[in-house]
């Protein structure tokens, strides 16, 4: 087992090291951007040698991947909690989309260097990022299934409908596209898309006919 290293006058176990490296990289990204950050800078900020960093990450690119993966993992946990809140299925679908949009918009506006890294990763490794994005689709599916079970939605295929919901909202959520959609009407447009889709498979729309 690798020995612990000294950081801020405290012993840090090897199990904590990858997390500290990711956090240090995030700080360096905010200050210098993805092009100027180096493994040496990350190591120096932690009071360790760059050789020690390479014991946990093979390259700078792998560290940047880990930063983005950590960000997306946090979003996954967050949207699960949003989807579990009280309300109709339609309300929860809107809440999930709005929550993801708000978090990514905030990251874009307040943490642009990390956001740029995320966009570059998407362009370089779309398949890897797509696996993380599937989490959003799975949350849509779960909420839509709940709506069907509760009689709020007509009998639809939750998987196909969740995929359609993902396609319809991608322009507001996809990190590479979202910046181009930002204006004073963006949130209104998001809510309109969700409400229009939900109205299309609402069980209430056919009530009283025939």
N, C-alpha and C. Protein backbone atom coordinates (compact mmCIF):
# COMPACT_ATOMS: atom_id res chain seq x y z
N UNK A 1 0.85 -1.20 0.00
CA UNK A 1 0.00 0.00 0.00
C UNK A 1 0.89 1.25 0.00
N UNK A 2 0.56 2.24 -0.85
CA UNK A 2 1.38 3.45 -0.88
C UNK A 2 1.37 4.17 0.46
N UNK A 3 2.47 4.75 0.79
CA UNK A 3 2.58 5.46 2.06
C UNK A 3 1.83 6.78 1.97
N UNK A 4 1.37 7.28 3.11
CA UNK A 4 0.72 8.59 3.10
C UNK A 4 1.72 9.69 2.83
N UNK A 5 1.24 10.85 2.40
CA UNK A 5 2.15 11.97 2.19
C UNK A 5 1.76 13.12 3.09
N UNK A 6 2.69 14.05 3.24
CA UNK A 6 2.44 15.21 4.10
C UNK A 6 1.68 16.27 3.34
N UNK A 7 0.62 16.82 3.95
CA UNK A 7 -0.12 17.93 3.34
C UNK A 7 -0.70 18.78 4.45
N UNK A 8 -0.35 20.09 4.43
CA UNK A 8 -0.85 21.00 5.46
C UNK A 8 -0.56 20.50 6.86
N UNK A 9 0.66 19.96 7.03
CA UNK A 9 1.11 19.48 8.34
C UNK A 9 0.30 18.30 8.86
N UNK A 10 -0.40 17.60 7.99
CA UNK A 10 -1.18 16.44 8.41
C UNK A 10 -0.84 15.27 7.49
N UNK A 11 -0.91 14.08 8.05
CA UNK A 11 -0.73 12.88 7.26
C UNK A 11 -2.02 12.62 6.47
N UNK A 12 -1.86 12.36 5.18
CA UNK A 12 -3.01 12.06 4.34
C UNK A 12 -2.86 10.66 3.79
N UNK A 13 -3.86 9.82 3.96
CA UNK A 13 -3.77 8.44 3.50
C UNK A 13 -3.86 8.38 1.98
N UNK A 14 -3.35 7.28 1.42
CA UNK A 14 -3.38 7.11 -0.03
C UNK A 14 -4.80 7.06 -0.56
N UNK A 15 -5.73 6.62 0.30
CA UNK A 15 -7.13 6.56 -0.14
C UNK A 15 -7.72 7.94 -0.38
N UNK A 16 -7.21 8.93 0.33
CA UNK A 16 -7.70 10.30 0.17
C UNK A 16 -7.01 11.05 -0.97
N UNK A 17 -5.86 10.55 -1.40
CA UNK A 17 -5.04 11.27 -2.35
C UNK A 17 -5.74 11.58 -3.67
N UNK A 18 -6.41 10.61 -4.33
CA UNK A 18 -7.06 10.94 -5.61
C UNK A 18 -8.07 12.07 -5.49
N UNK A 19 -8.84 12.06 -4.41
CA UNK A 19 -9.82 13.13 -4.21
C UNK A 19 -9.14 14.48 -4.06
N UNK A 20 -8.04 14.51 -3.30
CA UNK A 20 -7.32 15.77 -3.11
C UNK A 20 -6.72 16.27 -4.42
N UNK A 21 -6.25 15.35 -5.24
CA UNK A 21 -5.68 15.73 -6.54
C UNK A 21 -6.77 16.32 -7.42
N UNK A 22 -7.95 15.71 -7.41
CA UNK A 22 -9.07 16.23 -8.21
C UNK A 22 -9.46 17.62 -7.75
N UNK A 23 -9.54 17.82 -6.43
CA UNK A 23 -9.91 19.13 -5.90
C UNK A 23 -8.84 20.17 -6.23
N UNK A 24 -7.58 19.77 -6.14
CA UNK A 24 -6.50 20.70 -6.47
C UNK A 24 -6.55 21.06 -7.96
N UNK A 25 -6.83 20.08 -8.79
CA UNK A 25 -6.93 20.33 -10.23
C UNK A 25 -8.08 21.28 -10.52
N UNK A 26 -9.19 21.11 -9.81
CA UNK A 26 -10.34 22.00 -10.00
C UNK A 26 -9.96 23.44 -9.67
N UNK A 27 -9.22 23.61 -8.58
CA UNK A 27 -8.78 24.96 -8.19
C UNK A 27 -7.83 25.55 -9.24
N UNK A 28 -6.91 24.74 -9.73
CA UNK A 28 -5.98 25.21 -10.75
C UNK A 28 -6.72 25.57 -12.05
N UNK A 29 -7.72 24.79 -12.40
CA UNK A 29 -8.51 25.07 -13.60
C UNK A 29 -9.20 26.42 -13.51
N UNK A 30 -9.75 26.71 -12.34
CA UNK A 30 -10.44 27.99 -12.15
C UNK A 30 -9.48 29.16 -12.32
N UNK A 31 -8.24 28.97 -11.92
CA UNK A 31 -7.26 30.06 -11.96
C UNK A 31 -6.59 30.21 -13.33
N UNK A 32 -6.30 29.07 -13.97
CA UNK A 32 -5.46 29.12 -15.17
C UNK A 32 -6.11 28.57 -16.44
N UNK A 33 -7.21 27.81 -16.30
CA UNK A 33 -7.81 27.21 -17.48
C UNK A 33 -7.12 25.90 -17.85
N UNK A 34 -7.77 25.07 -18.66
CA UNK A 34 -7.26 23.73 -18.98
C UNK A 34 -5.95 23.70 -19.75
N UNK A 35 -5.66 24.72 -20.54
CA UNK A 35 -4.44 24.71 -21.35
C UNK A 35 -3.19 24.96 -20.52
N UNK A 36 -3.29 25.78 -19.50
CA UNK A 36 -2.11 26.18 -18.72
C UNK A 36 -1.87 25.34 -17.47
N UNK A 37 -2.86 24.58 -17.06
CA UNK A 37 -2.69 23.74 -15.88
C UNK A 37 -1.70 22.62 -16.18
N UNK A 38 -0.79 22.37 -15.25
CA UNK A 38 0.17 21.28 -15.41
C UNK A 38 0.11 20.35 -14.20
N UNK A 39 0.59 19.14 -14.39
CA UNK A 39 0.65 18.18 -13.28
C UNK A 39 1.59 18.70 -12.20
N UNK A 40 2.65 19.37 -12.60
CA UNK A 40 3.60 19.93 -11.64
C UNK A 40 2.91 20.97 -10.76
N UNK A 41 2.08 21.83 -11.38
CA UNK A 41 1.36 22.84 -10.60
C UNK A 41 0.40 22.20 -9.61
N UNK A 42 -0.30 21.17 -10.05
CA UNK A 42 -1.25 20.46 -9.18
C UNK A 42 -0.51 19.84 -8.01
N UNK A 43 0.61 19.19 -8.31
CA UNK A 43 1.40 18.54 -7.25
C UNK A 43 1.94 19.57 -6.26
N UNK A 44 2.47 20.67 -6.81
CA UNK A 44 3.05 21.70 -5.94
C UNK A 44 2.00 22.29 -4.99
N UNK A 45 0.78 22.46 -5.48
CA UNK A 45 -0.28 23.03 -4.63
C UNK A 45 -0.63 22.10 -3.47
N UNK A 46 -0.31 20.82 -3.62
CA UNK A 46 -0.60 19.83 -2.58
C UNK A 46 0.63 19.51 -1.73
N UNK A 47 1.77 20.11 -2.09
CA UNK A 47 2.98 19.84 -1.34
C UNK A 47 3.54 18.47 -1.58
N UNK A 48 3.32 17.93 -2.77
CA UNK A 48 3.86 16.61 -3.11
C UNK A 48 4.61 16.70 -4.44
N UNK A 49 5.31 15.65 -4.78
CA UNK A 49 6.02 15.61 -6.04
C UNK A 49 5.07 15.23 -7.17
N UNK A 50 5.40 15.64 -8.39
CA UNK A 50 4.54 15.27 -9.50
C UNK A 50 4.59 13.76 -9.75
N UNK A 51 5.69 13.12 -9.33
CA UNK A 51 5.80 11.67 -9.46
C UNK A 51 4.73 10.98 -8.62
N UNK A 52 4.42 11.57 -7.48
CA UNK A 52 3.39 10.99 -6.63
C UNK A 52 2.01 11.11 -7.27
N UNK A 53 1.77 12.21 -7.97
CA UNK A 53 0.50 12.37 -8.68
C UNK A 53 0.35 11.27 -9.73
N UNK A 54 1.45 10.97 -10.42
CA UNK A 54 1.42 9.95 -11.47
C UNK A 54 1.20 8.54 -10.93
N UNK A 55 1.32 8.37 -9.64
CA UNK A 55 1.00 7.07 -9.04
C UNK A 55 -0.50 6.82 -9.07
N UNK A 56 -1.28 7.90 -9.14
CA UNK A 56 -2.74 7.78 -9.09
C UNK A 56 -3.41 8.10 -10.43
N UNK A 57 -2.78 8.97 -11.21
CA UNK A 57 -3.31 9.34 -12.53
C UNK A 57 -2.18 9.26 -13.54
N UNK A 58 -2.44 8.63 -14.67
CA UNK A 58 -1.41 8.40 -15.67
C UNK A 58 -0.99 9.66 -16.42
N UNK A 59 -1.89 10.64 -16.48
CA UNK A 59 -1.59 11.83 -17.27
C UNK A 59 -2.46 12.99 -16.82
N UNK A 60 -2.15 14.17 -17.34
CA UNK A 60 -2.98 15.34 -17.09
C UNK A 60 -4.38 15.12 -17.63
N UNK A 61 -4.47 14.50 -18.81
CA UNK A 61 -5.77 14.24 -19.42
C UNK A 61 -6.63 13.37 -18.51
N UNK A 62 -6.04 12.40 -17.86
CA UNK A 62 -6.79 11.53 -16.96
C UNK A 62 -7.28 12.30 -15.74
N UNK A 63 -6.49 13.24 -15.27
CA UNK A 63 -6.92 14.08 -14.14
C UNK A 63 -8.11 14.93 -14.55
N UNK A 64 -8.04 15.53 -15.73
CA UNK A 64 -9.15 16.37 -16.20
C UNK A 64 -10.41 15.54 -16.40
N UNK A 65 -10.24 14.31 -16.90
CA UNK A 65 -11.39 13.41 -17.04
C UNK A 65 -12.03 13.16 -15.67
N UNK A 66 -11.18 12.99 -14.67
CA UNK A 66 -11.67 12.71 -13.32
C UNK A 66 -12.42 13.90 -12.75
N UNK A 67 -11.96 15.11 -13.05
CA UNK A 67 -12.64 16.33 -12.60
C UNK A 67 -14.05 16.38 -13.16
N UNK A 68 -14.17 16.12 -14.46
CA UNK A 68 -15.47 16.17 -15.12
C UNK A 68 -16.37 15.03 -14.63
N UNK A 69 -15.79 13.85 -14.49
CA UNK A 69 -16.58 12.70 -14.03
C UNK A 69 -17.13 12.95 -12.64
N UNK A 70 -16.30 13.56 -11.79
CA UNK A 70 -16.73 13.89 -10.43
C UNK A 70 -17.89 14.89 -10.46
N UNK A 71 -17.80 15.86 -11.35
CA UNK A 71 -18.86 16.86 -11.48
C UNK A 71 -20.17 16.19 -11.90
N UNK A 72 -20.09 15.32 -12.91
CA UNK A 72 -21.30 14.68 -13.41
C UNK A 72 -21.89 13.72 -12.38
N UNK A 73 -21.04 13.06 -11.61
CA UNK A 73 -21.52 12.16 -10.57
C UNK A 73 -22.31 12.93 -9.52
N UNK A 74 -21.86 14.13 -9.20
CA UNK A 74 -22.58 14.96 -8.23
C UNK A 74 -23.95 15.37 -8.78
N UNK A 75 -24.00 15.63 -10.07
CA UNK A 75 -25.28 15.99 -10.69
C UNK A 75 -26.24 14.81 -10.62
N UNK A 76 -25.73 13.59 -10.83
CA UNK A 76 -26.57 12.41 -10.77
C UNK A 76 -27.25 12.28 -9.40
N UNK A 77 -26.47 12.43 -8.36
CA UNK A 77 -27.03 12.33 -7.00
C UNK A 77 -28.05 13.43 -6.76
N UNK A 78 -27.77 14.60 -7.27
CA UNK A 78 -28.64 15.76 -7.07
C UNK A 78 -29.99 15.55 -7.74
N UNK A 79 -30.00 15.09 -9.00
CA UNK A 79 -31.28 14.97 -9.71
C UNK A 79 -32.14 13.85 -9.16
N UNK A 80 -31.51 12.83 -8.58
CA UNK A 80 -32.29 11.78 -7.92
C UNK A 80 -33.12 12.37 -6.78
N UNK A 81 -32.52 13.27 -6.02
CA UNK A 81 -33.24 13.88 -4.90
C UNK A 81 -34.34 14.81 -5.40
N UNK A 82 -34.09 15.51 -6.50
CA UNK A 82 -35.11 16.39 -7.08
C UNK A 82 -36.29 15.58 -7.57
N UNK A 83 -36.02 14.47 -8.26
CA UNK A 83 -37.07 13.64 -8.82
C UNK A 83 -37.93 12.99 -7.74
N UNK A 84 -37.37 12.85 -6.54
CA UNK A 84 -38.09 12.20 -5.45
C UNK A 84 -38.96 13.15 -4.65
N UNK A 85 -38.94 14.42 -4.98
CA UNK A 85 -39.73 15.39 -4.23
C UNK A 85 -41.23 15.22 -4.52
N UNK A 86 -42.09 15.70 -3.62
CA UNK A 86 -43.54 15.59 -3.82
C UNK A 86 -43.99 16.37 -5.06
N UNK A 87 -45.09 15.94 -5.64
CA UNK A 87 -45.64 16.64 -6.79
C UNK A 87 -46.08 15.67 -7.86
N UNK A 88 -46.76 16.17 -8.86
CA UNK A 88 -47.17 15.32 -9.97
C UNK A 88 -45.95 14.92 -10.79
N UNK A 89 -46.12 13.94 -11.64
CA UNK A 89 -45.01 13.51 -12.49
C UNK A 89 -44.59 14.66 -13.41
N UNK A 90 -45.55 15.38 -13.94
CA UNK A 90 -45.24 16.51 -14.83
C UNK A 90 -44.45 17.57 -14.08
N UNK A 91 -44.83 17.86 -12.85
CA UNK A 91 -44.12 18.85 -12.05
C UNK A 91 -42.70 18.40 -11.74
N UNK A 92 -42.53 17.11 -11.48
CA UNK A 92 -41.21 16.60 -11.15
C UNK A 92 -40.30 16.56 -12.38
N UNK A 93 -40.88 16.27 -13.54
CA UNK A 93 -40.08 16.30 -14.77
C UNK A 93 -39.57 17.72 -15.02
N UNK A 94 -40.45 18.69 -14.84
CA UNK A 94 -40.04 20.08 -15.02
C UNK A 94 -38.98 20.47 -14.00
N UNK A 95 -39.15 20.02 -12.76
CA UNK A 95 -38.19 20.35 -11.70
C UNK A 95 -36.81 19.77 -12.00
N UNK A 96 -36.78 18.55 -12.52
CA UNK A 96 -35.50 17.91 -12.85
C UNK A 96 -34.79 18.67 -13.96
N UNK A 97 -35.51 18.98 -15.03
CA UNK A 97 -34.89 19.69 -16.15
C UNK A 97 -34.41 21.07 -15.71
N UNK A 98 -35.23 21.78 -14.95
CA UNK A 98 -34.85 23.11 -14.49
C UNK A 98 -33.64 23.04 -13.56
N UNK A 99 -33.59 22.02 -12.72
CA UNK A 99 -32.48 21.88 -11.77
C UNK A 99 -31.16 21.64 -12.51
N UNK A 100 -31.19 20.75 -13.50
CA UNK A 100 -29.97 20.47 -14.27
C UNK A 100 -29.55 21.73 -15.02
N UNK A 101 -30.52 22.40 -15.64
CA UNK A 101 -30.21 23.62 -16.38
C UNK A 101 -29.59 24.68 -15.47
N UNK A 102 -30.17 24.88 -14.30
CA UNK A 102 -29.66 25.89 -13.38
C UNK A 102 -28.22 25.57 -12.96
N UNK A 103 -27.96 24.31 -12.64
CA UNK A 103 -26.61 23.93 -12.20
C UNK A 103 -25.59 24.13 -13.31
N UNK A 104 -25.95 23.74 -14.52
CA UNK A 104 -25.00 23.86 -15.64
C UNK A 104 -24.85 25.32 -16.06
N UNK A 105 -25.93 26.07 -15.97
CA UNK A 105 -25.82 27.50 -16.30
C UNK A 105 -24.94 28.21 -15.28
N UNK A 106 -25.12 27.86 -14.02
CA UNK A 106 -24.30 28.45 -12.96
C UNK A 106 -22.83 28.09 -13.16
N UNK A 107 -22.58 26.83 -13.50
CA UNK A 107 -21.19 26.41 -13.76
C UNK A 107 -20.61 27.18 -14.94
N UNK A 108 -21.39 27.35 -15.98
CA UNK A 108 -20.94 28.07 -17.17
C UNK A 108 -20.60 29.53 -16.85
N UNK A 109 -21.45 30.15 -16.02
CA UNK A 109 -21.28 31.57 -15.73
C UNK A 109 -20.26 31.85 -14.62
N UNK A 110 -20.16 30.92 -13.65
CA UNK A 110 -19.31 31.18 -12.48
C UNK A 110 -18.00 30.38 -12.46
N UNK A 111 -17.94 29.32 -13.25
CA UNK A 111 -16.76 28.45 -13.26
C UNK A 111 -16.40 28.12 -14.71
N UNK A 112 -16.16 29.13 -15.52
CA UNK A 112 -16.01 28.93 -16.97
C UNK A 112 -14.86 28.02 -17.39
N UNK A 113 -13.76 28.02 -16.64
CA UNK A 113 -12.62 27.19 -17.02
C UNK A 113 -12.94 25.70 -16.86
N UNK A 114 -13.61 25.35 -15.75
CA UNK A 114 -14.02 23.96 -15.56
C UNK A 114 -15.07 23.58 -16.61
N UNK A 115 -15.95 24.52 -16.90
CA UNK A 115 -16.98 24.25 -17.91
C UNK A 115 -16.33 24.01 -19.28
N UNK A 116 -15.32 24.78 -19.59
CA UNK A 116 -14.62 24.61 -20.86
C UNK A 116 -13.98 23.22 -20.93
N UNK A 117 -13.41 22.78 -19.82
CA UNK A 117 -12.83 21.45 -19.78
C UNK A 117 -13.88 20.39 -20.05
N UNK A 118 -15.05 20.58 -19.46
CA UNK A 118 -16.16 19.66 -19.67
C UNK A 118 -16.55 19.60 -21.14
N UNK A 119 -16.66 20.74 -21.78
CA UNK A 119 -17.02 20.79 -23.19
C UNK A 119 -15.97 20.10 -24.06
N UNK A 120 -14.72 20.31 -23.74
CA UNK A 120 -13.65 19.68 -24.52
C UNK A 120 -13.66 18.17 -24.37
N UNK A 121 -13.99 17.71 -23.16
CA UNK A 121 -14.05 16.28 -22.93
C UNK A 121 -15.18 15.67 -23.76
N UNK A 122 -16.30 16.36 -23.82
CA UNK A 122 -17.43 15.88 -24.60
C UNK A 122 -17.03 15.73 -26.07
N UNK A 123 -16.30 16.69 -26.56
CA UNK A 123 -15.87 16.65 -27.96
C UNK A 123 -14.85 15.54 -28.21
N UNK A 124 -14.01 15.27 -27.21
CA UNK A 124 -12.96 14.27 -27.37
C UNK A 124 -13.43 12.86 -27.04
N UNK A 125 -14.34 12.73 -26.07
CA UNK A 125 -14.78 11.42 -25.62
C UNK A 125 -16.30 11.38 -25.46
N UNK A 126 -17.05 11.56 -26.55
CA UNK A 126 -18.52 11.62 -26.46
C UNK A 126 -19.16 10.35 -25.92
N UNK A 127 -18.57 9.19 -26.22
CA UNK A 127 -19.16 7.93 -25.75
C UNK A 127 -19.09 7.81 -24.24
N UNK A 128 -17.96 8.21 -23.68
CA UNK A 128 -17.79 8.12 -22.23
C UNK A 128 -18.76 9.05 -21.50
N UNK A 129 -18.90 10.25 -22.03
CA UNK A 129 -19.79 11.22 -21.40
C UNK A 129 -21.25 10.80 -21.59
N UNK A 130 -21.55 10.19 -22.73
CA UNK A 130 -22.92 9.75 -23.01
C UNK A 130 -23.40 8.75 -21.96
N UNK A 131 -22.47 7.94 -21.44
CA UNK A 131 -22.86 6.98 -20.42
C UNK A 131 -23.35 7.69 -19.17
N UNK A 132 -22.71 8.80 -18.83
CA UNK A 132 -23.15 9.58 -17.67
C UNK A 132 -24.48 10.26 -17.95
N UNK A 133 -24.65 10.74 -19.19
CA UNK A 133 -25.89 11.43 -19.55
C UNK A 133 -27.09 10.48 -19.51
N UNK A 134 -26.82 9.19 -19.64
CA UNK A 134 -27.90 8.21 -19.58
C UNK A 134 -28.61 8.24 -18.23
N UNK A 135 -27.91 8.73 -17.22
CA UNK A 135 -28.51 8.82 -15.90
C UNK A 135 -29.72 9.75 -15.93
N UNK A 136 -29.61 10.83 -16.67
CA UNK A 136 -30.73 11.77 -16.79
C UNK A 136 -31.91 11.08 -17.44
N UNK A 137 -31.65 10.31 -18.48
CA UNK A 137 -32.73 9.59 -19.17
C UNK A 137 -33.39 8.59 -18.22
N UNK A 138 -32.58 7.93 -17.40
CA UNK A 138 -33.14 6.94 -16.47
C UNK A 138 -34.03 7.60 -15.43
N UNK A 139 -33.67 8.82 -15.02
CA UNK A 139 -34.51 9.56 -14.07
C UNK A 139 -35.82 9.95 -14.74
N UNK A 140 -35.75 10.44 -15.98
CA UNK A 140 -36.97 10.74 -16.73
C UNK A 140 -37.87 9.51 -16.79
N UNK A 141 -37.27 8.37 -17.11
CA UNK A 141 -38.04 7.13 -17.24
C UNK A 141 -38.75 6.78 -15.95
N UNK A 142 -38.05 6.90 -14.83
CA UNK A 142 -38.63 6.56 -13.54
C UNK A 142 -39.83 7.45 -13.21
N UNK A 143 -39.69 8.74 -13.47
CA UNK A 143 -40.78 9.68 -13.18
C UNK A 143 -41.95 9.44 -14.13
N UNK A 144 -41.67 9.20 -15.39
CA UNK A 144 -42.74 8.94 -16.37
C UNK A 144 -43.49 7.66 -16.00
N UNK A 145 -42.75 6.62 -15.60
CA UNK A 145 -43.40 5.38 -15.18
C UNK A 145 -44.31 5.62 -13.98
N UNK A 146 -43.87 6.46 -13.06
CA UNK A 146 -44.70 6.79 -11.89
C UNK A 146 -45.97 7.50 -12.34
N UNK A 147 -45.85 8.36 -13.35
CA UNK A 147 -47.02 9.06 -13.87
C UNK A 147 -48.01 8.12 -14.52
N UNK A 148 -47.51 7.12 -15.23
CA UNK A 148 -48.37 6.11 -15.85
C UNK A 148 -49.07 5.29 -14.77
N UNK A 149 -48.30 4.85 -13.78
CA UNK A 149 -48.84 4.03 -12.70
C UNK A 149 -49.92 4.76 -11.91
N UNK A 150 -49.75 6.08 -11.78
CA UNK A 150 -50.71 6.88 -11.01
C UNK A 150 -51.93 7.30 -11.84
N UNK A 151 -51.91 6.99 -13.13
CA UNK A 151 -53.02 7.38 -14.00
C UNK A 151 -52.94 8.81 -14.48
N UNK A 152 -51.82 9.46 -14.20
CA UNK A 152 -51.64 10.84 -14.66
C UNK A 152 -51.34 10.88 -16.16
N UNK A 153 -50.58 9.88 -16.62
CA UNK A 153 -50.23 9.77 -18.03
C UNK A 153 -50.93 8.58 -18.65
N UNK A 154 -51.17 8.65 -19.96
CA UNK A 154 -51.74 7.53 -20.67
C UNK A 154 -50.71 6.40 -20.71
N UNK A 155 -51.13 5.23 -21.17
CA UNK A 155 -50.23 4.08 -21.22
C UNK A 155 -49.22 4.27 -22.35
N UNK A 156 -48.06 4.77 -21.99
CA UNK A 156 -46.99 5.03 -22.95
C UNK A 156 -45.77 4.21 -22.57
N UNK A 157 -44.85 4.08 -23.49
CA UNK A 157 -43.60 3.38 -23.23
C UNK A 157 -42.67 4.34 -22.50
N UNK A 158 -42.41 4.10 -21.21
CA UNK A 158 -41.57 5.03 -20.44
C UNK A 158 -40.17 5.22 -21.02
N UNK A 159 -39.59 4.15 -21.57
CA UNK A 159 -38.23 4.26 -22.12
C UNK A 159 -38.20 5.17 -23.34
N UNK A 160 -39.12 4.94 -24.28
CA UNK A 160 -39.16 5.76 -25.48
C UNK A 160 -39.53 7.20 -25.17
N UNK A 161 -40.46 7.38 -24.25
CA UNK A 161 -40.88 8.73 -23.88
C UNK A 161 -39.77 9.48 -23.16
N UNK A 162 -39.02 8.78 -22.31
CA UNK A 162 -37.89 9.40 -21.62
C UNK A 162 -36.84 9.83 -22.62
N UNK A 163 -36.61 8.99 -23.64
CA UNK A 163 -35.64 9.34 -24.67
C UNK A 163 -36.09 10.58 -25.44
N UNK A 164 -37.40 10.64 -25.73
CA UNK A 164 -37.95 11.80 -26.44
C UNK A 164 -37.82 13.05 -25.57
N UNK A 165 -38.03 12.90 -24.27
CA UNK A 165 -37.89 14.02 -23.35
C UNK A 165 -36.44 14.51 -23.34
N UNK A 166 -35.50 13.57 -23.39
CA UNK A 166 -34.10 13.94 -23.44
C UNK A 166 -33.75 14.69 -24.71
N UNK A 167 -34.31 14.23 -25.83
CA UNK A 167 -34.06 14.90 -27.11
C UNK A 167 -34.65 16.31 -27.12
N UNK A 168 -35.86 16.43 -26.56
CA UNK A 168 -36.56 17.72 -26.58
C UNK A 168 -35.88 18.76 -25.69
N UNK A 169 -35.21 18.31 -24.65
CA UNK A 169 -34.59 19.25 -23.70
C UNK A 169 -33.08 19.38 -23.87
N UNK A 170 -32.51 18.63 -24.82
CA UNK A 170 -31.05 18.61 -24.98
C UNK A 170 -30.47 20.00 -25.23
N UNK A 171 -31.17 20.83 -25.98
CA UNK A 171 -30.63 22.15 -26.28
C UNK A 171 -30.47 23.01 -25.03
N UNK A 172 -31.22 22.67 -23.98
CA UNK A 172 -31.14 23.44 -22.74
C UNK A 172 -30.20 22.80 -21.71
N UNK A 173 -29.83 21.53 -21.95
CA UNK A 173 -29.05 20.79 -20.96
C UNK A 173 -27.66 20.38 -21.44
N UNK A 174 -27.52 20.11 -22.73
CA UNK A 174 -26.23 19.61 -23.22
C UNK A 174 -25.18 20.72 -23.10
N UNK A 175 -24.07 20.42 -22.42
CA UNK A 175 -23.05 21.45 -22.17
C UNK A 175 -22.49 22.12 -23.42
N UNK A 176 -22.49 21.41 -24.54
CA UNK A 176 -21.94 22.00 -25.76
C UNK A 176 -22.94 22.89 -26.49
N UNK A 177 -24.21 22.73 -26.17
CA UNK A 177 -25.27 23.47 -26.87
C UNK A 177 -25.88 24.57 -26.01
N UNK A 178 -26.01 24.29 -24.72
CA UNK A 178 -26.73 25.17 -23.80
C UNK A 178 -26.31 26.64 -23.84
N UNK A 179 -25.01 26.96 -23.90
CA UNK A 179 -24.63 28.38 -23.89
C UNK A 179 -25.30 29.21 -24.98
N UNK A 180 -25.55 28.60 -26.13
CA UNK A 180 -26.16 29.34 -27.24
C UNK A 180 -27.64 29.62 -27.02
N UNK A 181 -28.24 28.96 -26.02
CA UNK A 181 -29.68 29.15 -25.78
C UNK A 181 -29.97 30.17 -24.69
N UNK A 182 -28.92 30.66 -24.03
CA UNK A 182 -29.13 31.49 -22.84
C UNK A 182 -29.57 32.92 -23.18
N UNK A 183 -30.73 33.27 -22.69
CA UNK A 183 -31.25 34.64 -22.78
C UNK A 183 -32.35 34.79 -21.74
N UNK A 184 -33.02 35.91 -21.74
CA UNK A 184 -34.04 36.17 -20.72
C UNK A 184 -35.27 35.27 -20.85
N UNK A 185 -35.43 34.61 -22.00
CA UNK A 185 -36.59 33.76 -22.24
C UNK A 185 -36.30 32.27 -22.05
N UNK A 186 -35.08 31.93 -21.72
CA UNK A 186 -34.69 30.52 -21.69
C UNK A 186 -35.55 29.69 -20.74
N UNK A 187 -35.70 30.12 -19.51
CA UNK A 187 -36.46 29.33 -18.54
C UNK A 187 -37.92 29.20 -18.97
N UNK A 188 -38.48 30.24 -19.53
CA UNK A 188 -39.86 30.19 -20.02
C UNK A 188 -39.98 29.15 -21.13
N UNK A 189 -38.99 29.10 -22.01
CA UNK A 189 -38.99 28.14 -23.11
C UNK A 189 -38.88 26.71 -22.59
N UNK A 190 -38.04 26.51 -21.58
CA UNK A 190 -37.89 25.16 -21.00
C UNK A 190 -39.22 24.68 -20.45
N UNK A 191 -39.87 25.52 -19.67
CA UNK A 191 -41.16 25.14 -19.08
C UNK A 191 -42.21 24.87 -20.16
N UNK A 192 -42.16 25.64 -21.23
CA UNK A 192 -43.10 25.45 -22.32
C UNK A 192 -42.90 24.09 -22.98
N UNK A 193 -41.64 23.71 -23.19
CA UNK A 193 -41.34 22.41 -23.81
C UNK A 193 -41.86 21.27 -22.93
N UNK A 194 -41.58 21.34 -21.64
CA UNK A 194 -42.01 20.28 -20.72
C UNK A 194 -43.53 20.20 -20.66
N UNK A 195 -44.18 21.33 -20.51
CA UNK A 195 -45.64 21.34 -20.41
C UNK A 195 -46.29 20.84 -21.69
N UNK A 196 -45.74 21.20 -22.83
CA UNK A 196 -46.29 20.75 -24.11
C UNK A 196 -46.16 19.25 -24.26
N UNK A 197 -44.99 18.71 -23.89
CA UNK A 197 -44.80 17.26 -23.99
C UNK A 197 -45.72 16.52 -23.03
N UNK A 198 -45.78 16.98 -21.80
CA UNK A 198 -46.62 16.30 -20.80
C UNK A 198 -48.10 16.37 -21.18
N UNK A 199 -48.51 17.48 -21.77
CA UNK A 199 -49.91 17.60 -22.21
C UNK A 199 -50.21 16.58 -23.30
N UNK A 200 -49.20 16.23 -24.09
CA UNK A 200 -49.40 15.28 -25.18
C UNK A 200 -49.70 13.87 -24.70
N UNK A 201 -49.19 13.50 -23.51
CA UNK A 201 -49.50 12.15 -23.01
C UNK A 201 -50.22 12.19 -21.66
N UNK A 202 -50.90 13.32 -21.39
CA UNK A 202 -51.69 13.43 -20.18
C UNK A 202 -52.99 12.64 -20.31
N UNK A 203 -53.30 11.86 -19.28
CA UNK A 203 -54.53 11.09 -19.28
C UNK A 203 -55.75 12.01 -19.20
N UNK A 204 -55.56 13.22 -18.66
CA UNK A 204 -56.68 14.14 -18.47
C UNK A 204 -57.16 14.74 -19.78
N UNK A 205 -56.33 14.73 -20.82
CA UNK A 205 -56.72 15.38 -22.06
C UNK A 205 -57.91 14.72 -22.74
N UNK A 206 -58.10 13.41 -22.45
CA UNK A 206 -59.22 12.73 -23.08
C UNK A 206 -60.43 12.57 -22.18
N UNK A 207 -60.33 13.11 -20.97
CA UNK A 207 -61.43 12.97 -20.02
C UNK A 207 -62.69 13.69 -20.52
N UNK A 208 -63.80 13.04 -20.42
CA UNK A 208 -65.07 13.66 -20.78
C UNK A 208 -65.44 13.51 -22.23
N UNK A 209 -64.52 12.92 -23.06
CA UNK A 209 -64.84 12.73 -24.48
C UNK A 209 -65.64 11.46 -24.68
N UNK A 210 -66.41 11.47 -25.75
CA UNK A 210 -67.21 10.27 -26.09
C UNK A 210 -68.43 10.17 -25.26
